[in-house]
């Protein structure tokens, strides 16, 4: 039984969804993912409440929609801060979950 939550309101530049995977997968515990709605965002960075930093993987589908994700094998992602950054590193959107 996995727990999950998420948010993609119209005014956000980044959507997000959290899933707890530890009940379904042996090697993975947490998944954060979402869609990138702002074309200026080039990088998504997740900082956990213990200050561990992850660079999200960004993928693009055939229609040009961009998505990001981070999967961990023990690091808890609930309580993290998600930052969408433009090319110079400036934070365009920041979300605390």
Foldseek 3Di string as FASTA:
>chain_A
DKDKDWDDDPPAQWTKMKIQCVVPDPFWGIKIKTWGNDPQFDWKWKAAPVRDIDTWDWDADPVGTIMTMDIHRPDDRQQIKIFGAGPVRDTPDIDGD
